Each structure stands twice: as structure tokens, then as C-alpha cells.
Amino acid sequence: MTRILLATLEFYRRWLSPALHSLGSAGGCRFVPTCSEYASIAIATHGPMRGTGLAIWRLLRCHPFSRGGLDSVPPLNAARHLPHEPLP
């Protein structure tokens, strides 16, 4: 499943995205990395289920009122690690 999702994203980045931008759609992505790059990294790092969830959450945050900027994929261990104090 991971390979299929990554291949689909690669097809989008290579063929569909340049075609859409040549039609005159506004500007580029307001985030770094772009949403398709973010999705690829998230799926490769976290697997197909959680990676797709992270990518969808990123797409929902991409709107005209968003500030954009640097938004990197959370590391693998940060998703499951809860900060706590050691017991005395």
C-alpha cells in the first residue's frame, strides 16, 4: 500500500502539478515542503494510515488565511512519545 501511495504522489508531482501550474492556477504552495512532498515524507516515515492522516490534516490547513511557512513532518518517535517526569 505504501508503494502505491508513493507512486501516485510521484505521478502527481511529475505530471499533474506542472500541468495545473501551466494553466495559470495561482502561485505555489504556501508551505515548505510542498503538500505533495509532505505527504510522501509522512507516508514513508509513518506508514500509509498515519501518513495519509497527516497529509490530509496538512491539506486542511492549506487555505487563504493560513500563514504557511516551514512545516516539517513530525519524527516517528515524537508521535508515540509522551513527555513525563521520572518517578522519584
PDB file of N, CA and C in Angstrom:
ATOM      1  N   MET A   1       0.815  -1.193   0.000  1.00  0.00           N
ATOM      2  CA  MET A   1       0.000   0.000   0.000  1.00  0.00           C
ATOM      3  C   MET A   1       0.861   1.259   0.000  1.00  0.00           C
ATOM      4  N   THR A   2       1.956   1.226   0.770  1.00  0.00           N
ATOM      5  CA  THR A   2       2.853   2.377   0.822  1.00  0.00           C
ATOM      6  C   THR A   2       3.426   2.681  -0.549  1.00  0.00           C
ATOM      7  N   ARG A   3       3.837   1.650  -1.275  1.00  0.00           N
ATOM      8  CA  ARG A   3       4.414   1.860  -2.611  1.00  0.00           C
ATOM      9  C   ARG A   3       3.404   2.465  -3.574  1.00  0.00           C
ATOM     10  N   ILE A   4       2.157   2.026  -3.483  1.00  0.00           N
ATOM     11  CA  ILE A   4       1.116   2.556  -4.371  1.00  0.00           C
ATOM     12  C   ILE A   4       0.877   4.039  -4.084  1.00  0.00           C
ATOM     13  N   LEU A   5       0.787   4.397  -2.809  1.00  0.00           N
ATOM     14  CA  LEU A   5       0.580   5.796  -2.449  1.00  0.00           C
ATOM     15  C   LEU A   5       1.754   6.673  -2.882  1.00  0.00           C
ATOM     16  N   LEU A   6       2.978   6.182  -2.650  1.00  0.00           N
ATOM     17  CA  LEU A   6       4.155   6.962  -3.046  1.00  0.00           C
ATOM     18  C   LEU A   6       4.252   7.098  -4.566  1.00  0.00           C
ATOM     19  N   ALA A   7       3.894   6.044  -5.306  1.00  0.00           N
ATOM     20  CA  ALA A   7       3.907   6.120  -6.771  1.00  0.00           C
ATOM     21  C   ALA A   7       2.854   7.103  -7.274  1.00  0.00           C
ATOM     22  N   THR A   8       1.699   7.124  -6.634  1.00  0.00           N
ATOM     23  CA  THR A   8       0.648   8.073  -7.012  1.00  0.00           C
ATOM     24  C   THR A   8       1.097   9.511  -6.773  1.00  0.00           C
ATOM     25  N   LEU A   9       1.733   9.750  -5.641  1.00  0.00           N
ATOM     26  CA  LEU A   9       2.232  11.091  -5.347  1.00  0.00           C
ATOM     27  C   LEU A   9       3.338  11.501  -6.312  1.00  0.00           C
ATOM     28  N   GLU A  10       4.202  10.567  -6.681  1.00  0.00           N
ATOM     29  CA  GLU A  10       5.269  10.869  -7.639  1.00  0.00           C
ATOM     30  C   GLU A  10       4.683  11.211  -9.013  1.00  0.00           C
ATOM     31  N   PHE A  11       3.660  10.475  -9.432  1.00  0.00           N
ATOM     32  CA  PHE A  11       2.972  10.776 -10.698  1.00  0.00           C
ATOM     33  C   PHE A  11       2.370  12.178 -10.643  1.00  0.00           C
ATOM     34  N   TYR A  12       1.740  12.506  -9.536  1.00  0.00           N
ATOM     35  CA  TYR A  12       1.160  13.841  -9.382  1.00  0.00           C
ATOM     36  C   TYR A  12       2.243  14.910  -9.486  1.00  0.00           C
ATOM     37  N   ARG A  13       3.342  14.745  -8.759  1.00  0.00           N
ATOM     38  CA  ARG A  13       4.399  15.767  -8.775  1.00  0.00           C
ATOM     39  C   ARG A  13       5.053  15.905 -10.135  1.00  0.00           C
ATOM     40  N   ARG A  14       5.205  14.798 -10.842  1.00  0.00           N
ATOM     41  CA  ARG A  14       5.912  14.845 -12.119  1.00  0.00           C
ATOM     42  C   ARG A  14       5.024  15.332 -13.260  1.00  0.00           C
ATOM     43  N   TRP A  15       3.751  14.925 -13.291  1.00  0.00           N
ATOM     44  CA  TRP A  15       2.910  15.201 -14.456  1.00  0.00           C
ATOM     45  C   TRP A  15       1.750  16.148 -14.176  1.00  0.00           C
ATOM     46  N   LEU A  16       1.002  15.938 -13.140  1.00  0.00           N
ATOM     47  CA  LEU A  16      -0.202  16.737 -12.920  1.00  0.00           C
ATOM     48  C   LEU A  16       0.085  18.133 -12.370  1.00  0.00           C
ATOM     49  N   SER A  17       0.972  18.240 -11.409  1.00  0.00           N
ATOM     50  CA  SER A  17       1.268  19.532 -10.816  1.00  0.00           C
ATOM     51  C   SER A  17       1.811  20.532 -11.839  1.00  0.00           C
ATOM     52  N   PRO A  18       2.803  20.167 -12.672  1.00  0.00           N
ATOM     53  CA  PRO A  18       3.253  21.133 -13.684  1.00  0.00           C
ATOM     54  C   PRO A  18       2.154  21.510 -14.675  1.00  0.00           C
ATOM     55  N   ALA A  19       1.296  20.557 -15.018  1.00  0.00           N
ATOM     56  CA  ALA A  19       0.200  20.863 -15.948  1.00  0.00           C
ATOM     57  C   ALA A  19      -0.784  21.846 -15.317  1.00  0.00           C
ATOM     58  N   LEU A  20      -1.094  21.658 -14.047  1.00  0.00           N
ATOM     59  CA  LEU A  20      -2.007  22.575 -13.368  1.00  0.00           C
ATOM     60  C   LEU A  20      -1.417  23.973 -13.246  1.00  0.00           C
ATOM     61  N   HIS A  21      -0.117  24.066 -12.962  1.00  0.00           N
ATOM     62  CA  HIS A  21       0.524  25.372 -12.838  1.00  0.00           C
ATOM     63  C   HIS A  21       0.638  26.068 -14.192  1.00  0.00           C
ATOM     64  N   SER A  22       0.764  25.310 -15.268  1.00  0.00           N
ATOM     65  CA  SER A  22       0.850  25.935 -16.591  1.00  0.00           C
ATOM     66  C   SER A  22      -0.500  26.478 -17.051  1.00  0.00           C
ATOM     67  N   LEU A  23      -1.586  25.997 -16.467  1.00  0.00           N
ATOM     68  CA  LEU A  23      -2.915  26.507 -16.802  1.00  0.00           C
ATOM     69  C   LEU A  23      -3.207  27.846 -16.143  1.00  0.00           C
ATOM     70  N   GLY A  24      -2.310  28.280 -15.282  1.00  0.00           N
ATOM     71  CA  GLY A  24      -2.458  29.600 -14.688  1.00  0.00           C
ATOM     72  C   GLY A  24      -3.056  29.599 -13.305  1.00  0.00           C
ATOM     73  N   SER A  25      -3.006  28.480 -12.619  1.00  0.00           N
ATOM     74  CA  SER A  25      -3.510  28.493 -11.246  1.00  0.00           C
ATOM     75  C   SER A  25      -2.614  29.388 -10.399  1.00  0.00           C
ATOM     76  N   ALA A  26      -3.170  29.944  -9.373  1.00  0.00           N
ATOM     77  CA  ALA A  26      -2.486  30.959  -8.578  1.00  0.00           C
ATOM     78  C   ALA A  26      -1.268  30.408  -7.850  1.00  0.00           C
ATOM     79  N   GLY A  27      -0.176  31.176  -7.907  1.00  0.00           N
ATOM     80  CA  GLY A  27       1.026  30.959  -7.123  1.00  0.00           C
ATOM     81  C   GLY A  27       1.480  29.533  -6.937  1.00  0.00           C
ATOM     82  N   GLY A  28       2.153  29.314  -5.835  1.00  0.00           N
ATOM     83  CA  GLY A  28       2.617  27.989  -5.485  1.00  0.00           C
ATOM     84  C   GLY A  28       2.144  27.641  -4.093  1.00  0.00           C
ATOM     85  N   CYS A  29       2.732  26.624  -3.546  1.00  0.00           N
ATOM     86  CA  CYS A  29       2.361  26.180  -2.215  1.00  0.00           C
ATOM     87  C   CYS A  29       2.859  27.189  -1.184  1.00  0.00           C
ATOM     88  N   ARG A  30       2.074  27.444  -0.171  1.00  0.00           N
ATOM     89  CA  ARG A  30       2.468  28.403   0.858  1.00  0.00           C
ATOM     90  C   ARG A  30       3.295  27.751   1.965  1.00  0.00           C
ATOM     91  N   PHE A  31       3.440  26.433   1.910  1.00  0.00           N
ATOM     92  CA  PHE A  31       4.220  25.704   2.906  1.00  0.00           C
ATOM     93  C   PHE A  31       5.515  25.174   2.299  1.00  0.00           C
ATOM     94  N   VAL A  32       6.482  24.940   3.156  1.00  0.00           N
ATOM     95  CA  VAL A  32       7.722  24.263   2.789  1.00  0.00           C
ATOM     96  C   VAL A  32       7.858  23.090   3.725  1.00  0.00           C
ATOM     97  N   PRO A  33       7.976  21.881   3.269  1.00  0.00           N
ATOM     98  CA  PRO A  33       7.903  21.390   1.897  1.00  0.00           C
ATOM     99  C   PRO A  33       6.474  21.478   1.357  1.00  0.00           C
ATOM    100  N   THR A  34       6.348  21.319   0.036  1.00  0.00           N
ATOM    101  CA  THR A  34       5.022  21.383  -0.568  1.00  0.00           C
ATOM    102  C   THR A  34       4.152  20.260  -0.011  1.00  0.00           C
ATOM    103  N   CYS A  35       2.861  20.366  -0.248  1.00  0.00           N
ATOM    104  CA  CYS A  35       1.933  19.379   0.310  1.00  0.00           C
ATOM    105  C   CYS A  35       2.203  17.968  -0.223  1.00  0.00           C
ATOM    106  N   SER A  36       2.556  17.849  -1.496  1.00  0.00           N
ATOM    107  CA  SER A  36       2.830  16.514  -2.040  1.00  0.00           C
ATOM    108  C   SER A  36       4.132  15.952  -1.476  1.00  0.00           C
ATOM    109  N   GLU A  37       5.143  16.801  -1.289  1.00  0.00           N
ATOM    110  CA  GLU A  37       6.383  16.337  -0.664  1.00  0.00           C
ATOM    111  C   GLU A  37       6.138  15.943   0.787  1.00  0.00           C
ATOM    112  N   TYR A  38       5.338  16.739   1.480  1.00  0.00           N
ATOM    113  CA  TYR A  38       4.986  16.437   2.871  1.00  0.00           C
ATOM    114  C   TYR A  38       4.286  15.083   2.952  1.00  0.00           C
ATOM    115  N   ALA A  39       3.336  14.844   2.048  1.00  0.00           N
ATOM    116  CA  ALA A  39       2.607  13.576   2.053  1.00  0.00           C
ATOM    117  C   ALA A  39       3.549  12.405   1.807  1.00  0.00           C
ATOM    118  N   SER A  40       4.473  12.552   0.864  1.00  0.00           N
ATOM    119  CA  SER A  40       5.430  11.479   0.576  1.00  0.00           C
ATOM    120  C   SER A  40       6.301  11.172   1.787  1.00  0.00           C
ATOM    121  N   ILE A  41       6.797  12.208   2.440  1.00  0.00           N
ATOM    122  CA  ILE A  41       7.651  12.016   3.611  1.00  0.00           C
ATOM    123  C   ILE A  41       6.849  11.402   4.753  1.00  0.00           C
ATOM    124  N   ALA A  42       5.620  11.877   4.957  1.00  0.00           N
ATOM    125  CA  ALA A  42       4.782  11.367   6.046  1.00  0.00           C
ATOM    126  C   ALA A  42       4.447   9.892   5.837  1.00  0.00           C
ATOM    127  N   ILE A  43       4.109   9.510   4.608  1.00  0.00           N
ATOM    128  CA  ILE A  43       3.773   8.111   4.327  1.00  0.00           C
ATOM    129  C   ILE A  43       4.997   7.225   4.451  1.00  0.00           C
ATOM    130  N   ALA A  44       6.142   7.692   3.957  1.00  0.00           N
ATOM    131  CA  ALA A  44       7.370   6.901   4.060  1.00  0.00           C
ATOM    132  C   ALA A  44       7.818   6.759   5.512  1.00  0.00           C
ATOM    133  N   THR A  45       7.593   7.773   6.322  1.00  0.00           N
ATOM    134  CA  THR A  45       8.032   7.741   7.719  1.00  0.00           C
ATOM    135  C   THR A  45       7.056   7.020   8.633  1.00  0.00           C
ATOM    136  N   HIS A  46       5.776   7.337   8.518  1.00  0.00           N
ATOM    137  CA  HIS A  46       4.779   6.851   9.472  1.00  0.00           C
ATOM    138  C   HIS A  46       3.908   5.721   8.949  1.00  0.00           C
ATOM    139  N   GLY A  47       4.071   5.341   7.688  1.00  0.00           N
ATOM    140  CA  GLY A  47       3.241   4.289   7.123  1.00  0.00           C
ATOM    141  C   GLY A  47       2.004   4.862   6.441  1.00  0.00           C
ATOM    142  N   PRO A  48       1.252   3.997   5.756  1.00  0.00           N
ATOM    143  CA  PRO A  48       0.142   4.502   4.943  1.00  0.00           C
ATOM    144  C   PRO A  48      -1.015   5.100   5.745  1.00  0.00           C
ATOM    145  N   MET A  49      -1.353   4.545   6.879  1.00  0.00           N
ATOM    146  CA  MET A  49      -2.513   5.045   7.628  1.00  0.00           C
ATOM    147  C   MET A  49      -2.225   6.394   8.292  1.00  0.00           C
ATOM    148  N   ARG A  50      -1.251   6.429   9.163  1.00  0.00           N
ATOM    149  CA  ARG A  50      -0.931   7.676   9.870  1.00  0.00           C
ATOM    150  C   ARG A  50      -0.377   8.723   8.905  1.00  0.00           C
ATOM    151  N   GLY A  51       0.423   8.305   7.926  1.00  0.00           N
ATOM    152  CA  GLY A  51       0.970   9.245   6.954  1.00  0.00           C
ATOM    153  C   GLY A  51      -0.113   9.923   6.131  1.00  0.00           C
ATOM    154  N   THR A  52      -1.114   9.152   5.720  1.00  0.00           N
ATOM    155  CA  THR A  52      -2.234   9.735   4.981  1.00  0.00           C
ATOM    156  C   THR A  52      -3.024  10.683   5.875  1.00  0.00           C
ATOM    157  N   GLY A  53      -3.189  10.314   7.125  1.00  0.00           N
ATOM    158  CA  GLY A  53      -3.869  11.198   8.070  1.00  0.00           C
ATOM    159  C   GLY A  53      -3.136  12.519   8.253  1.00  0.00           C
ATOM    160  N   LEU A  54      -1.813  12.457   8.381  1.00  0.00           N
ATOM    161  CA  LEU A  54      -1.016  13.681   8.493  1.00  0.00           C
ATOM    162  C   LEU A  54      -1.125  14.529   7.227  1.00  0.00           C
ATOM    163  N   ALA A  55      -1.116  13.874   6.060  1.00  0.00           N
ATOM    164  CA  ALA A  55      -1.221  14.601   4.798  1.00  0.00           C
ATOM    165  C   ALA A  55      -2.585  15.278   4.658  1.00  0.00           C
ATOM    166  N   ILE A  56      -3.640  14.598   5.060  1.00  0.00           N
ATOM    167  CA  ILE A  56      -4.975  15.195   4.998  1.00  0.00           C
ATOM    168  C   ILE A  56      -5.071  16.381   5.951  1.00  0.00           C
ATOM    169  N   TRP A  57      -4.509  16.245   7.143  1.00  0.00           N
ATOM    170  CA  TRP A  57      -4.509  17.350   8.097  1.00  0.00           C
ATOM    171  C   TRP A  57      -3.760  18.549   7.525  1.00  0.00           C
ATOM    172  N   ARG A  58      -2.665  18.296   6.834  1.00  0.00           N
ATOM    173  CA  ARG A  58      -1.896  19.376   6.198  1.00  0.00           C
ATOM    174  C   ARG A  58      -2.717  20.057   5.111  1.00  0.00           C
ATOM    175  N   LEU A  59      -3.423  19.275   4.294  1.00  0.00           N
ATOM    176  CA  LEU A  59      -4.262  19.862   3.246  1.00  0.00           C
ATOM    177  C   LEU A  59      -5.386  20.709   3.830  1.00  0.00           C
ATOM    178  N   LEU A  60      -5.921  20.291   4.960  1.00  0.00           N
ATOM    179  CA  LEU A  60      -6.976  21.073   5.604  1.00  0.00           C
ATOM    180  C   LEU A  60      -6.450  22.405   6.138  1.00  0.00           C
ATOM    181  N   ARG A  61      -5.165  22.456   6.475  1.00  0.00           N
ATOM    182  CA  ARG A  61      -4.574  23.707   6.966  1.00  0.00           C
ATOM    183  C   ARG A  61      -4.154  24.636   5.843  1.00  0.00           C
ATOM    184  N   CYS A  62      -4.209  24.183   4.607  1.00  0.00           N
ATOM    185  CA  CYS A  62      -3.796  25.000   3.468  1.00  0.00           C
ATOM    186  C   CYS A  62      -5.016  25.750   2.929  1.00  0.00           C
ATOM    187  N   HIS A  63      -5.136  26.996   3.325  1.00  0.00           N
ATOM    188  CA  HIS A  63      -6.248  27.833   2.886  1.00  0.00           C
ATOM    189  C   HIS A  63      -5.750  29.275   2.798  1.00  0.00           C
ATOM    190  N   PRO A  64      -6.518  30.166   2.212  1.00  0.00           N
ATOM    191  CA  PRO A  64      -6.048  31.543   2.008  1.00  0.00           C
ATOM    192  C   PRO A  64      -5.685  32.295   3.282  1.00  0.00           C
ATOM    193  N   PHE A  65      -6.231  31.913   4.423  1.00  0.00           N
ATOM    194  CA  PHE A  65      -5.940  32.630   5.661  1.00  0.00           C
ATOM    195  C   PHE A  65      -4.789  32.017   6.445  1.00  0.00           C
ATOM    196  N   SER A  66      -4.191  30.967   5.923  1.00  0.00           N
ATOM    197  CA  SER A  66      -3.065  30.309   6.584  1.00  0.00           C
ATOM    198  C   SER A  66      -1.791  31.112   6.356  1.00  0.00           C
ATOM    199  N   ARG A  67      -0.939  31.162   7.366  1.00  0.00           N
ATOM    200  CA  ARG A  67       0.328  31.881   7.235  1.00  0.00           C
ATOM    201  C   ARG A  67       1.344  31.099   6.413  1.00  0.00           C
ATOM    202  N   GLY A  68       1.236  29.779   6.413  1.00  0.00           N
ATOM    203  CA  GLY A  68       2.197  28.960   5.679  1.00  0.00           C
ATOM    204  C   GLY A  68       3.533  28.911   6.399  1.00  0.00           C
ATOM    205  N   GLY A  69       4.601  28.705   5.637  1.00  0.00           N
ATOM    206  CA  GLY A  69       5.936  28.652   6.210  1.00  0.00           C
ATOM    207  C   GLY A  69       6.456  27.230   6.319  1.00  0.00           C
ATOM    208  N   LEU A  70       7.475  27.065   7.147  1.00  0.00           N
ATOM    209  CA  LEU A  70       8.107  25.767   7.334  1.00  0.00           C
ATOM    210  C   LEU A  70       7.202  24.876   8.186  1.00  0.00           C
ATOM    211  N   ASP A  71       6.892  23.705   7.659  1.00  0.00           N
ATOM    212  CA  ASP A  71       6.040  22.747   8.363  1.00  0.00           C
ATOM    213  C   ASP A  71       6.574  21.351   8.054  1.00  0.00           C
ATOM    214  N   SER A  72       7.432  20.857   8.904  1.00  0.00           N
ATOM    215  CA  SER A  72       8.041  19.557   8.635  1.00  0.00           C
ATOM    216  C   SER A  72       7.215  18.429   9.261  1.00  0.00           C
ATOM    217  N   VAL A  73       7.410  17.235   8.749  1.00  0.00           N
ATOM    218  CA  VAL A  73       6.716  16.052   9.249  1.00  0.00           C
ATOM    219  C   VAL A  73       7.260  15.735  10.639  1.00  0.00           C
ATOM    220  N   PRO A  74       6.379  15.449  11.599  1.00  0.00           N
ATOM    221  CA  PRO A  74       6.877  15.103  12.936  1.00  0.00           C
ATOM    222  C   PRO A  74       7.687  13.808  12.888  1.00  0.00           C
ATOM    223  N   PRO A  75       8.744  13.722  13.686  1.00  0.00           N
ATOM    224  CA  PRO A  75       9.543  12.494  13.697  1.00  0.00           C
ATOM    225  C   PRO A  75       8.724  11.306  14.185  1.00  0.00           C
ATOM    226  N   LEU A  76       9.182  10.135  13.841  1.00  0.00           N
ATOM    227  CA  LEU A  76       8.454   8.911  14.161  1.00  0.00           C
ATOM    228  C   LEU A  76       8.271   8.722  15.652  1.00  0.00           C
ATOM    229  N   ASN A  77       9.310   8.910  16.448  1.00  0.00           N
ATOM    230  CA  ASN A  77       9.195   8.660  17.882  1.00  0.00           C
ATOM    231  C   ASN A  77       8.406   9.749  18.601  1.00  0.00           C
ATOM    232  N   ALA A  78       8.278  10.938  18.034  1.00  0.00           N
ATOM    233  CA  ALA A  78       7.513  12.007  18.680  1.00  0.00           C
ATOM    234  C   ALA A  78       6.023  11.712  18.658  1.00  0.00           C
ATOM    235  N   ALA A  79       5.577  10.909  17.713  1.00  0.00           N
ATOM    236  CA  ALA A  79       4.151  10.602  17.609  1.00  0.00           C
ATOM    237  C   ALA A  79       3.706   9.677  18.741  1.00  0.00           C
ATOM    238  N   ARG A  80       4.603   8.869  19.265  1.00  0.00           N
ATOM    239  CA  ARG A  80       4.222   7.895  20.282  1.00  0.00           C
ATOM    240  C   ARG A  80       4.816   8.199  21.655  1.00  0.00           C
ATOM    241  N   HIS A  81       5.627   9.223  21.740  1.00  0.00           N
ATOM    242  CA  HIS A  81       6.313   9.520  22.985  1.00  0.00           C
ATOM    243  C   HIS A  81       5.532  10.593  23.753  1.00  0.00           C
ATOM    244  N   LEU A  82       5.177  10.282  24.977  1.00  0.00           N
ATOM    245  CA  LEU A  82       4.520  11.254  25.833  1.00  0.00           C
ATOM    246  C   LEU A  82       5.540  11.730  26.850  1.00  0.00           C
ATOM    247  N   PRO A  83       5.766  13.054  26.896  1.00  0.00           N
ATOM    248  CA  PRO A  83       6.745  13.545  27.860  1.00  0.00           C
ATOM    249  C   PRO A  83       6.251  13.329  29.294  1.00  0.00           C
ATOM    250  N   HIS A  84       7.125  12.891  30.140  1.00  0.00           N
ATOM    251  CA  HIS A  84       6.767  12.671  31.531  1.00  0.00           C
ATOM    252  C   HIS A  84       8.005  12.817  32.393  1.00  0.00           C
ATOM    253  N   GLU A  85       7.760  13.037  33.660  1.00  0.00           N
ATOM    254  CA  GLU A  85       8.840  13.126  34.631  1.00  0.00           C
ATOM    255  C   GLU A  85       9.091  11.738  35.205  1.00  0.00           C
ATOM    256  N   PRO A  86      10.349  11.367  35.421  1.00  0.00           N
ATOM    257  CA  PRO A  86      10.607  10.084  36.051  1.00  0.00           C
ATOM    258  C   PRO A  86      10.116  10.071  37.501  1.00  0.00           C
ATOM    259  N   LEU A  87       9.696   8.925  37.935  1.00  0.00           N
ATOM    260  CA  LEU A  87       9.230   8.793  39.316  1.00  0.00           C
ATOM    261  C   LEU A  87      10.399   8.876  40.282  1.00  0.00           C
ATOM    262  N   PRO A  88      10.201   9.485  41.474  1.00  0.00           N
ATOM    263  CA  PRO A  88      11.319   9.599  42.434  1.00  0.00           C
ATOM    264  C   PRO A  88      11.661   8.289  43.085  1.00  0.00           C
TER     265      PRO A  88
END
